[in-house]
Amino acid sequence: MRSHEAGALHSQAGHRAPPWLSAPRDVNDLVPQLWSSTAKKSGEGSLVIGGVDVRDLVAEHGSPAYVLDEDDFRTRARAFKNAFKDFDVYYAGKAFLSTTIVRWVMEEGLNLDICSGGELAVALKAGADPQRLGFHGNNKSESELARALDAGVGRIIADSLYEIDRLIELSRERGITAPVMVRVTAGVEAHTHEYIATAHEDQKFGFSITSGAAFEAVARVNEAPELELLGLHSHIGSQIFDSSGFEVAAKRVIALHARVSEELGVDMPDLDLGGGFGIAYTTQDDPSDPAQLATEMGKIVEHECRAFEVAVPKVSIEPGRAIVGPAMCTVYSVGTVKEVELDNNAARTYVSVDGGMSDNIRAALYDADYSCTLANRYSDATPTLARVVGKHCESGDIVVKDEFLPGDVAPGDLVAVPGTGAYCRSMASNYNHVPRPPVIAVKDGQTRVVVRRETEDDLLLLDMGVEG
């Protein structure tokens, strides 16, 4: 019988640790670059974040739970704002969004990038200034565009000729001028996973620069009196650790910017280079900090504008993962521990927790690597190579493929996984009818529910076959 694709993928890893993973000197220690800035271990070995012991948090709010470090989120948002002081910084809401996050983003002076009607609804509910919103998406519906125009969204990133035509018609009906950027593909593929590289030609986003489609789209926006042409938008991928990919993309995008200026006589005021800045999920990752990225990207833009003899436009970027990713971890309770015998007289320790691919699909979807730590106590047991798996009826339900945990890890222990702020709650599902975990913000020893835990009653409310 054919095995599940994800299961087959992970089973090929065998019993050996990956080359980058080595046994720790002390299995109780945290690797600082993987965790939020306030995370530490107590004298008893329990994980403390924002002054809150996760044992107390789980006792009050249950597990699994996403734990959001407010100070860390704000510090990272501020770091991007200060480093990119000559840029506009848009927080990419798709990484994780709630009304609380919207308020934090606005309070820290960032703008907000959204990509659906639902995200727009969250932003407006939170009281965001619509002028500080950018609206993305490759298939925005007529009703979504209408709502954005009625709300006064600051910029709409057009992704197709159909969308441009819709914007023209909707703006004409309202007697307004819609602020529009044109998303372009620069033919640059970031060194990242195939499914999250977004600037190569054969994909759904944007207009191709090399084929001439991008110039045609810009001309179409420019000639429509109902639309205001703001500039070009480019995004080259995700989990990017340096500025080299941006250099190639900027050269091609600014070349188009210069052509528009020369041939259409339009000096577009804005240029967006997207986001995709990476974070450290494991010790193999070495991301750049905001200050370094700002310096390098600023030089790239100035150099290319000088080469093409155009004025430097107002540049914007869209960090999401780089702000919220490290600011959140997920805490699970261990349910079972199982030793599985492999070939060559080897074995693997499977640690099953009370969540899984419904609260973090990235390992199954992207073959993503994560780390973890024993979170409720100190252990002097010998480190053992473990695989943390979820509770779902799926062989590919893996949370952490390979990490060293104490050899005495047992049912009832807590295991915490860092770097789960980006895309975990956003992509969470109810697979196997498992309710999604809550998001609990921590700060100064206090907890606050940002998104409450789903219940089985929540799931049944959507089931119209339930009598009554």
Protein backbone atom coordinates (compact mmCIF):
# COMPACT_ATOMS: atom_id res chain seq x y z
CA MET A 1 0.00 0.00 0.00
CA ARG A 2 1.40 3.37 -1.02
CA SER A 3 2.48 5.54 1.92
CA HIS A 4 1.41 9.15 2.34
CA GLU A 5 3.73 11.59 0.56
CA ALA A 6 4.59 13.55 3.68
CA GLY A 7 5.18 10.37 5.63
CA ALA A 8 7.47 8.98 2.94
CA LEU A 9 9.38 12.25 2.82
CA HIS A 10 10.05 12.24 6.53
CA SER A 11 10.77 8.52 6.81
CA GLN A 12 13.70 8.91 4.43
CA ALA A 13 15.52 10.93 7.08
CA GLY A 14 16.48 7.67 8.83
CA HIS A 15 17.69 7.60 12.39
CA ARG A 16 20.63 9.94 12.09
CA ALA A 17 20.60 13.60 13.02
CA PRO A 18 21.02 16.09 10.17
CA PRO A 19 24.60 17.35 9.70
CA TRP A 20 23.91 20.75 11.27
CA LEU A 21 22.44 19.30 14.48
CA SER A 22 24.79 18.23 17.25
CA ALA A 23 24.12 17.05 20.78
CA PRO A 24 23.99 19.98 23.23
CA ARG A 25 26.32 20.31 26.20
CA ASP A 26 23.30 20.95 28.36
CA VAL A 27 19.94 19.85 26.99
CA ASN A 28 18.19 22.31 29.33
CA ASP A 29 19.77 25.42 27.79
CA LEU A 30 17.97 27.67 25.33
CA VAL A 31 19.60 28.75 22.06
CA PRO A 32 19.02 32.52 22.40
CA GLN A 33 18.71 33.36 18.70
CA LEU A 34 15.74 31.00 18.35
CA TRP A 35 13.64 32.51 21.13
CA SER A 36 11.97 35.80 21.95
CA SER A 37 14.10 38.27 23.87
CA THR A 38 12.45 37.71 27.27
CA ALA A 39 12.56 33.90 27.15
CA LYS A 40 14.68 32.22 29.81
CA LYS A 41 14.80 29.13 32.01
CA SER A 42 13.99 29.41 35.70
CA GLY A 43 16.06 27.82 38.44
CA GLU A 44 13.69 24.85 38.26
CA GLY A 45 14.26 24.53 34.53
CA SER A 46 10.83 25.79 33.44
CA LEU A 47 10.46 28.17 30.50
CA VAL A 48 9.60 31.76 31.43
CA ILE A 49 8.47 34.29 28.80
CA GLY A 50 7.48 37.86 29.53
CA GLY A 51 7.85 37.05 33.20
CA VAL A 52 5.27 34.25 32.95
CA ASP A 53 6.15 30.65 33.79
CA VAL A 54 4.64 28.47 31.06
CA ARG A 55 3.56 25.96 33.73
CA ASP A 56 1.28 28.62 35.17
CA LEU A 57 0.14 29.69 31.71
CA VAL A 58 -0.86 26.14 30.78
CA ALA A 59 -2.56 25.65 34.14
CA GLU A 60 -4.72 28.71 33.43
CA HIS A 61 -5.22 28.52 29.66
CA GLY A 62 -4.55 24.89 28.75
CA SER A 63 -2.41 23.46 25.98
CA PRO A 64 -1.49 23.64 23.24
CA ALA A 65 -1.16 27.41 23.28
CA TYR A 66 0.64 30.02 21.22
CA VAL A 67 2.58 32.31 23.58
CA LEU A 68 3.14 35.83 22.20
CA ASP A 69 5.87 37.99 23.74
CA GLU A 70 4.54 41.55 23.47
CA ASP A 71 7.83 43.26 24.33
CA ASP A 72 9.68 41.19 21.74
CA PHE A 73 7.12 41.93 19.01
CA ARG A 74 7.24 45.65 19.71
CA THR A 75 11.04 45.68 19.88
CA ARG A 76 11.36 43.97 16.50
CA ALA A 77 8.76 46.28 14.94
CA ARG A 78 10.64 49.28 16.33
CA ALA A 79 13.96 47.92 15.06
CA PHE A 80 12.63 47.83 11.48
CA LYS A 81 11.05 51.25 11.85
CA ASN A 82 14.29 52.80 13.12
CA ALA A 83 16.66 50.96 10.76
CA PHE A 84 14.56 51.71 7.67
CA LYS A 85 13.96 55.32 8.68
CA ASP A 86 13.97 56.51 5.06
CA PHE A 87 11.59 53.73 3.99
CA ASP A 88 7.94 53.01 4.66
CA VAL A 89 7.61 49.81 6.67
CA TYR A 90 4.46 47.70 6.20
CA TYR A 91 3.90 44.81 8.58
CA ALA A 92 2.80 41.81 6.48
CA GLY A 93 -0.42 40.84 8.21
CA LYS A 94 -0.60 37.42 6.56
CA ALA A 95 2.14 36.21 8.93
CA PHE A 96 -0.23 36.63 11.87
CA LEU A 97 -3.02 39.10 12.33
CA SER A 98 -5.48 39.98 15.08
CA THR A 99 -6.97 43.24 16.28
CA THR A 100 -4.34 43.36 19.04
CA ILE A 101 -1.53 43.00 16.49
CA VAL A 102 -3.05 45.75 14.36
CA ARG A 103 -3.05 48.11 17.33
CA TRP A 104 0.56 47.27 18.21
CA VAL A 105 1.61 47.85 14.60
CA MET A 106 -0.13 51.21 14.45
CA GLU A 107 1.25 52.27 17.84
CA GLU A 108 4.80 51.45 16.74
CA GLY A 109 4.43 53.65 13.66
CA LEU A 110 4.31 50.89 11.04
CA ASN A 111 1.85 50.54 8.20
CA LEU A 112 -0.06 47.32 7.52
CA ASP A 113 -0.14 45.07 4.48
CA ILE A 114 -3.30 42.99 4.04
CA CYS A 115 -4.31 40.52 1.34
CA SER A 116 -7.97 39.58 1.81
CA GLY A 117 -11.32 40.99 2.78
CA GLY A 118 -11.04 39.21 6.12
CA GLU A 119 -7.72 40.86 6.92
CA LEU A 120 -9.22 44.21 5.89
CA ALA A 121 -12.12 43.57 8.27
CA VAL A 122 -9.70 42.86 11.15
CA ALA A 123 -7.72 46.03 10.41
CA LEU A 124 -10.83 48.21 10.30
CA LYS A 125 -12.30 46.59 13.41
CA ALA A 126 -9.07 47.45 15.24
CA GLY A 127 -9.36 51.09 14.23
CA ALA A 128 -6.42 51.17 11.80
CA ASP A 129 -5.97 54.30 9.72
CA PRO A 130 -7.06 53.12 6.23
CA GLN A 131 -4.45 55.38 4.63
CA ARG A 132 -1.78 53.22 6.28
CA LEU A 133 -3.07 50.03 4.67
CA GLY A 134 -1.80 48.33 1.53
CA PHE A 135 -4.10 45.77 -0.09
CA HIS A 136 -2.48 42.79 -1.83
CA GLY A 137 -3.86 39.67 -3.45
CA ASN A 138 -3.87 38.04 -6.88
CA ASN A 139 -7.66 37.57 -7.05
CA LYS A 140 -9.35 40.33 -5.08
CA SER A 141 -13.07 40.13 -5.62
CA GLU A 142 -15.22 43.05 -6.74
CA SER A 143 -16.76 43.26 -3.26
CA GLU A 144 -13.31 43.28 -1.61
CA LEU A 145 -12.11 46.06 -3.91
CA ALA A 146 -15.30 48.02 -3.31
CA ARG A 147 -14.87 47.76 0.44
CA ALA A 148 -11.24 48.87 0.18
CA LEU A 149 -12.19 51.89 -1.90
CA ASP A 150 -15.06 52.81 0.43
CA ALA A 151 -12.75 52.55 3.44
CA GLY A 152 -10.09 54.76 1.81
CA VAL A 153 -7.26 52.21 1.73
CA GLY A 154 -3.97 53.97 1.03
CA ARG A 155 -2.81 51.76 -1.81
CA ILE A 156 -4.11 48.80 -3.77
CA ILE A 157 -1.57 46.53 -5.41
CA ALA A 158 -2.99 45.50 -8.79
CA ASP A 159 -2.16 41.96 -9.89
CA SER A 160 -4.05 41.48 -13.18
CA LEU A 161 -5.62 43.42 -16.04
CA TYR A 162 -9.05 42.22 -14.88
CA GLU A 163 -8.40 43.78 -11.50
CA ILE A 164 -7.31 47.05 -13.10
CA ASP A 165 -10.54 47.12 -15.08
CA ARG A 166 -12.56 46.40 -11.94
CA LEU A 167 -10.84 49.24 -10.13
CA ILE A 168 -11.57 51.63 -12.99
CA GLU A 169 -15.26 50.74 -12.99
CA LEU A 170 -15.65 50.83 -9.21
CA SER A 171 -13.80 54.15 -8.93
CA ARG A 172 -15.88 55.66 -11.72
CA GLU A 173 -19.08 54.63 -9.91
CA ARG A 174 -17.86 56.33 -6.75
CA GLY A 175 -16.39 59.40 -8.38
CA ILE A 176 -13.01 58.82 -6.75
CA THR A 177 -9.44 58.16 -7.78
CA ALA A 178 -7.99 54.86 -6.60
CA PRO A 179 -4.31 54.77 -5.52
CA VAL A 180 -2.69 51.84 -7.34
CA MET A 181 0.66 50.08 -7.40
CA VAL A 182 1.43 47.44 -10.02
CA ARG A 183 2.92 44.15 -8.88
CA VAL A 184 5.68 42.95 -11.17
CA THR A 185 7.78 39.80 -11.37
CA ALA A 186 11.46 40.46 -11.84
CA GLY A 187 12.43 36.91 -12.78
CA VAL A 188 14.47 36.52 -9.62
CA GLU A 189 14.00 33.34 -7.61
CA ALA A 190 15.17 33.62 -4.02
CA HIS A 191 17.16 30.69 -2.64
CA THR A 192 14.23 29.24 -0.76
CA HIS A 193 11.70 26.43 -0.92
CA GLU A 194 10.05 25.99 -4.30
CA TYR A 195 6.57 26.70 -2.96
CA ILE A 196 7.43 30.04 -1.34
CA ALA A 197 9.64 31.53 -4.06
CA THR A 198 7.39 34.08 -5.73
CA ALA A 199 9.35 36.13 -8.26
CA HIS A 200 10.18 33.57 -10.95
CA GLU A 201 8.12 33.77 -14.13
CA ASP A 202 5.98 30.63 -13.89
CA GLN A 203 3.74 31.60 -10.98
CA LYS A 204 0.48 33.32 -10.24
CA PHE A 205 1.60 36.70 -8.94
CA GLY A 206 2.13 39.93 -10.83
CA PHE A 207 3.07 41.05 -14.33
CA SER A 208 6.27 39.87 -16.01
CA ILE A 209 8.88 42.53 -16.67
CA THR A 210 10.73 40.46 -19.27
CA SER A 211 7.62 39.70 -21.36
CA GLY A 212 6.53 43.34 -21.43
CA ALA A 213 3.31 42.65 -19.54
CA ALA A 214 4.39 44.83 -16.64
CA PHE A 215 4.91 47.90 -18.83
CA GLU A 216 1.53 47.34 -20.47
CA ALA A 217 -0.17 47.14 -17.08
CA VAL A 218 1.54 50.32 -15.88
CA ALA A 219 0.46 52.12 -19.06
CA ARG A 220 -3.10 50.93 -18.54
CA VAL A 221 -3.19 52.30 -14.99
CA ASN A 222 -1.56 55.55 -16.07
CA GLU A 223 -4.03 56.25 -18.85
CA ALA A 224 -7.09 55.73 -16.65
CA PRO A 225 -8.24 59.00 -15.03
CA GLU A 226 -9.94 56.94 -12.30
CA LEU A 227 -6.59 55.57 -11.10
CA GLU A 228 -3.53 57.16 -9.53
CA LEU A 229 -0.30 55.35 -10.48
CA LEU A 230 1.84 55.18 -7.34
CA GLY A 231 4.60 52.84 -8.44
CA LEU A 232 5.87 49.29 -8.79
CA HIS A 233 5.78 46.44 -6.32
CA SER A 234 8.15 43.46 -6.31
CA HIS A 235 8.44 40.47 -3.98
CA ILE A 236 11.13 37.81 -4.49
CA GLY A 237 10.28 35.12 -1.94
CA SER A 238 10.41 34.19 1.72
CA GLN A 239 12.91 33.22 4.40
CA ILE A 240 15.68 35.28 2.74
CA PHE A 241 18.86 35.81 4.76
CA ASP A 242 20.74 38.47 2.77
CA SER A 243 20.22 41.28 0.26
CA SER A 244 21.74 39.63 -2.84
CA GLY A 245 18.37 38.65 -4.30
CA PHE A 246 17.04 42.16 -3.73
CA GLU A 247 20.00 43.56 -5.67
CA VAL A 248 19.11 41.73 -8.87
CA ALA A 249 15.39 42.42 -8.47
CA ALA A 250 15.94 46.12 -7.76
CA LYS A 251 18.03 46.49 -10.89
CA ARG A 252 15.24 45.10 -13.07
CA VAL A 253 12.41 46.90 -11.30
CA ILE A 254 14.19 50.26 -11.35
CA ALA A 255 14.99 49.72 -15.03
CA LEU A 256 11.24 49.47 -15.62
CA HIS A 257 10.69 52.50 -13.37
CA ALA A 258 13.11 54.45 -15.58
CA ARG A 259 11.42 53.25 -18.77
CA VAL A 260 8.04 54.42 -17.49
CA SER A 261 9.53 57.81 -16.71
CA GLU A 262 11.12 58.11 -20.15
CA GLU A 263 8.38 56.71 -22.35
CA LEU A 264 5.24 57.69 -20.47
CA GLY A 265 6.58 60.84 -18.85
CA VAL A 266 5.53 59.68 -15.39
CA ASP A 267 7.73 59.89 -12.31
CA MET A 268 6.18 57.28 -10.03
CA PRO A 269 6.64 58.33 -6.39
CA ASP A 270 6.78 54.87 -4.76
CA LEU A 271 8.67 51.59 -5.03
CA ASP A 272 8.02 48.50 -2.90
CA LEU A 273 10.65 45.75 -2.67
CA GLY A 274 8.45 43.40 -0.62
CA GLY A 275 9.48 41.38 2.38
CA GLY A 276 10.54 37.79 2.95
CA PHE A 277 13.25 38.53 5.52
CA GLY A 278 14.18 35.30 7.26
CA ILE A 279 14.47 34.25 10.89
CA ALA A 280 16.39 31.55 12.75
CA TYR A 281 14.29 28.43 13.19
CA THR A 282 17.31 26.27 14.02
CA THR A 283 21.05 26.74 14.54
CA GLN A 284 21.63 26.34 10.78
CA ASP A 285 19.90 29.69 10.09
CA ASP A 286 21.81 32.98 10.14
CA PRO A 287 19.54 35.90 9.22
CA SER A 288 20.65 39.51 8.80
CA ASP A 289 19.46 42.10 11.30
CA PRO A 290 17.29 45.09 10.24
CA ALA A 291 20.16 47.59 10.43
CA GLN A 292 22.32 45.55 8.08
CA LEU A 293 19.44 44.98 5.67
CA ALA A 294 18.54 48.69 5.68
CA THR A 295 22.10 49.75 4.91
CA GLU A 296 22.53 47.23 2.10
CA MET A 297 19.12 47.79 0.52
CA GLY A 298 19.46 51.57 0.72
CA LYS A 299 22.76 51.39 -1.14
CA ILE A 300 21.28 49.08 -3.76
CA VAL A 301 18.38 51.42 -4.52
CA GLU A 302 20.59 54.53 -4.63
CA HIS A 303 23.11 52.80 -6.90
CA GLU A 304 20.50 51.58 -9.37
CA CYS A 305 18.64 54.91 -9.46
CA ARG A 306 21.91 56.68 -10.13
CA ALA A 307 22.75 54.22 -12.90
CA PHE A 308 19.37 54.75 -14.59
CA GLU A 309 19.42 58.51 -13.90
CA VAL A 310 16.14 58.64 -12.01
CA ALA A 311 15.27 60.21 -8.70
CA VAL A 312 15.15 57.84 -5.74
CA PRO A 313 11.47 57.04 -5.06
CA LYS A 314 9.96 56.46 -1.63
CA VAL A 315 10.83 52.83 -0.95
CA SER A 316 8.77 50.50 1.20
CA ILE A 317 9.33 47.00 2.60
CA GLU A 318 7.02 44.42 4.15
CA PRO A 319 8.48 42.41 7.04
CA GLY A 320 6.07 39.99 8.67
CA ARG A 321 7.82 36.80 9.72
CA ALA A 322 10.89 38.79 10.83
CA ILE A 323 8.76 40.67 13.37
CA VAL A 324 6.25 38.16 14.68
CA GLY A 325 8.05 34.87 13.97
CA PRO A 326 10.50 34.86 16.89
CA ALA A 327 8.02 36.69 19.15
CA MET A 328 5.86 33.60 19.53
CA CYS A 329 6.36 30.00 20.62
CA THR A 330 3.95 27.10 20.98
CA VAL A 331 3.66 25.12 24.21
CA TYR A 332 2.42 21.54 24.07
CA SER A 333 1.74 18.79 26.60
CA VAL A 334 3.34 15.41 26.01
CA GLY A 335 0.86 12.56 25.74
CA THR A 336 2.95 9.52 24.84
CA VAL A 337 6.60 8.62 24.30
CA LYS A 338 7.49 5.71 22.06
CA GLU A 339 10.78 4.05 21.14
CA VAL A 340 10.70 2.76 17.56
CA GLU A 341 13.36 0.28 16.52
CA LEU A 342 15.08 1.01 13.21
CA ASP A 343 17.68 -0.82 11.21
CA ASN A 344 21.33 -1.12 12.28
CA ASN A 345 20.25 -1.65 15.91
CA ALA A 346 19.16 1.98 16.10
CA ALA A 347 15.97 3.50 17.45
CA ARG A 348 14.04 6.75 17.33
CA THR A 349 12.18 8.38 20.21
CA TYR A 350 8.76 9.64 19.17
CA VAL A 351 7.32 12.28 21.50
CA SER A 352 3.61 12.81 20.83
CA VAL A 353 2.05 16.12 21.83
CA ASP A 354 -1.50 17.44 22.02
CA GLY A 355 -1.31 19.55 18.86
CA GLY A 356 0.35 19.01 15.52
CA MET A 357 -0.16 19.84 11.87
CA SER A 358 -3.46 21.60 12.61
CA ASP A 359 -1.60 24.32 14.54
CA ASN A 360 1.67 24.17 12.55
CA ILE A 361 1.37 22.90 8.98
CA ARG A 362 4.77 24.21 7.88
CA ALA A 363 6.76 21.05 8.60
CA ALA A 364 4.42 18.96 6.44
CA LEU A 365 3.87 21.65 3.80
CA TYR A 366 7.39 23.03 3.40
CA ASP A 367 9.53 20.36 5.08
CA ALA A 368 10.36 23.13 7.57
CA ASP A 369 12.75 22.55 10.46
CA TYR A 370 12.00 23.57 14.04
CA SER A 371 13.67 23.28 17.42
CA CYS A 372 12.15 22.62 20.85
CA THR A 373 12.93 22.42 24.55
CA LEU A 374 11.60 20.67 27.63
CA ALA A 375 9.64 23.52 29.20
CA ASN A 376 8.41 22.46 32.64
CA ARG A 377 11.43 21.15 34.56
CA TYR A 378 15.17 20.62 34.72
CA SER A 379 16.53 17.26 33.63
CA ASP A 380 19.94 15.70 34.14
CA ALA A 381 19.13 12.79 31.80
CA THR A 382 21.31 12.10 28.78
CA PRO A 383 20.11 13.94 25.64
CA THR A 384 18.35 11.70 23.14
CA LEU A 385 17.53 12.43 19.52
CA ALA A 386 13.75 12.78 19.38
CA ARG A 387 11.03 13.50 16.88
CA VAL A 388 8.10 15.55 18.14
CA VAL A 389 4.87 14.51 16.43
CA GLY A 390 1.25 15.54 16.67
CA LYS A 391 -2.00 13.78 17.48
CA HIS A 392 -3.47 13.72 13.99
CA CYS A 393 -4.25 10.62 11.96
CA GLU A 394 -1.49 11.36 9.47
CA SER A 395 2.03 9.95 9.17
CA GLY A 396 3.29 13.35 8.05
CA ASP A 397 2.04 15.00 11.25
CA ILE A 398 5.48 16.07 12.44
CA VAL A 399 6.15 19.19 14.50
CA VAL A 400 9.92 18.89 15.00
CA LYS A 401 11.74 16.39 12.79
CA ASP A 402 14.95 16.14 14.81
CA GLU A 403 15.97 17.67 18.12
CA PHE A 404 17.69 16.56 21.30
CA LEU A 405 15.43 16.23 24.33
CA PRO A 406 16.22 14.74 27.75
CA GLY A 407 16.10 10.95 27.72
CA ASP A 408 13.54 10.99 30.53
CA VAL A 409 10.92 13.07 28.70
CA ALA A 410 7.58 11.60 29.72
CA PRO A 411 3.79 12.03 29.48
CA GLY A 412 2.70 15.18 31.30
CA ASP A 413 5.84 17.13 30.42
CA LEU A 414 5.62 20.39 28.50
CA VAL A 415 7.53 20.91 25.25
CA ALA A 416 7.89 24.38 23.71
CA VAL A 417 8.67 25.09 20.05
CA PRO A 418 10.16 28.53 19.22
CA GLY A 419 9.67 30.62 16.09
CA THR A 420 5.99 29.80 15.55
CA GLY A 421 4.68 33.36 15.26
CA ALA A 422 4.58 33.45 11.48
CA TYR A 423 2.04 31.44 9.51
CA CYS A 424 1.33 28.85 12.21
CA ARG A 425 -1.88 30.34 13.63
CA SER A 426 -2.59 32.00 10.27
CA MET A 427 -2.51 28.65 8.44
CA ALA A 428 -4.04 26.63 11.27
CA SER A 429 -6.92 24.28 10.48
CA ASN A 430 -9.49 22.08 12.17
CA TYR A 431 -8.11 18.86 10.69
CA ASN A 432 -9.62 15.87 12.49
CA HIS A 433 -12.02 18.41 14.01
CA VAL A 434 -9.38 19.60 16.44
CA PRO A 435 -10.14 23.12 17.77
CA ARG A 436 -7.41 25.69 17.17
CA PRO A 437 -5.25 26.84 20.12
CA PRO A 438 -5.46 30.28 21.72
CA VAL A 439 -2.92 33.07 21.37
CA ILE A 440 -1.86 34.28 24.81
CA ALA A 441 0.13 37.52 25.05
CA VAL A 442 2.60 37.80 27.92
CA LYS A 443 4.16 40.93 29.39
CA ASP A 444 5.50 41.91 32.81
CA GLY A 445 4.33 38.67 34.41
CA GLN A 446 0.76 39.00 33.13
CA THR A 447 -1.16 37.01 30.51
CA ARG A 448 -3.82 38.30 28.15
CA VAL A 449 -5.92 36.30 25.70
CA VAL A 450 -5.41 37.74 22.22
CA VAL A 451 -7.32 35.03 20.36
CA ARG A 452 -9.39 32.64 22.47
CA ARG A 453 -9.22 28.88 22.17
CA GLU A 454 -11.75 27.33 19.83
CA THR A 455 -14.15 24.83 21.31
CA GLU A 456 -16.07 21.88 19.95
CA ASP A 457 -19.18 24.06 20.24
CA ASP A 458 -17.52 26.51 17.82
CA LEU A 459 -17.05 23.70 15.32
CA LEU A 460 -20.62 22.48 15.69
CA LEU A 461 -22.03 25.98 15.16
CA LEU A 462 -20.98 25.73 11.52
CA ASP A 463 -22.55 22.28 11.05
CA MET A 464 -26.02 22.99 9.68
CA GLY A 465 -27.04 19.36 10.09
CA VAL A 466 -27.16 19.68 13.86
CA GLU A 467 -30.79 19.66 14.96
CA GLY A 468 -31.83 22.78 16.80
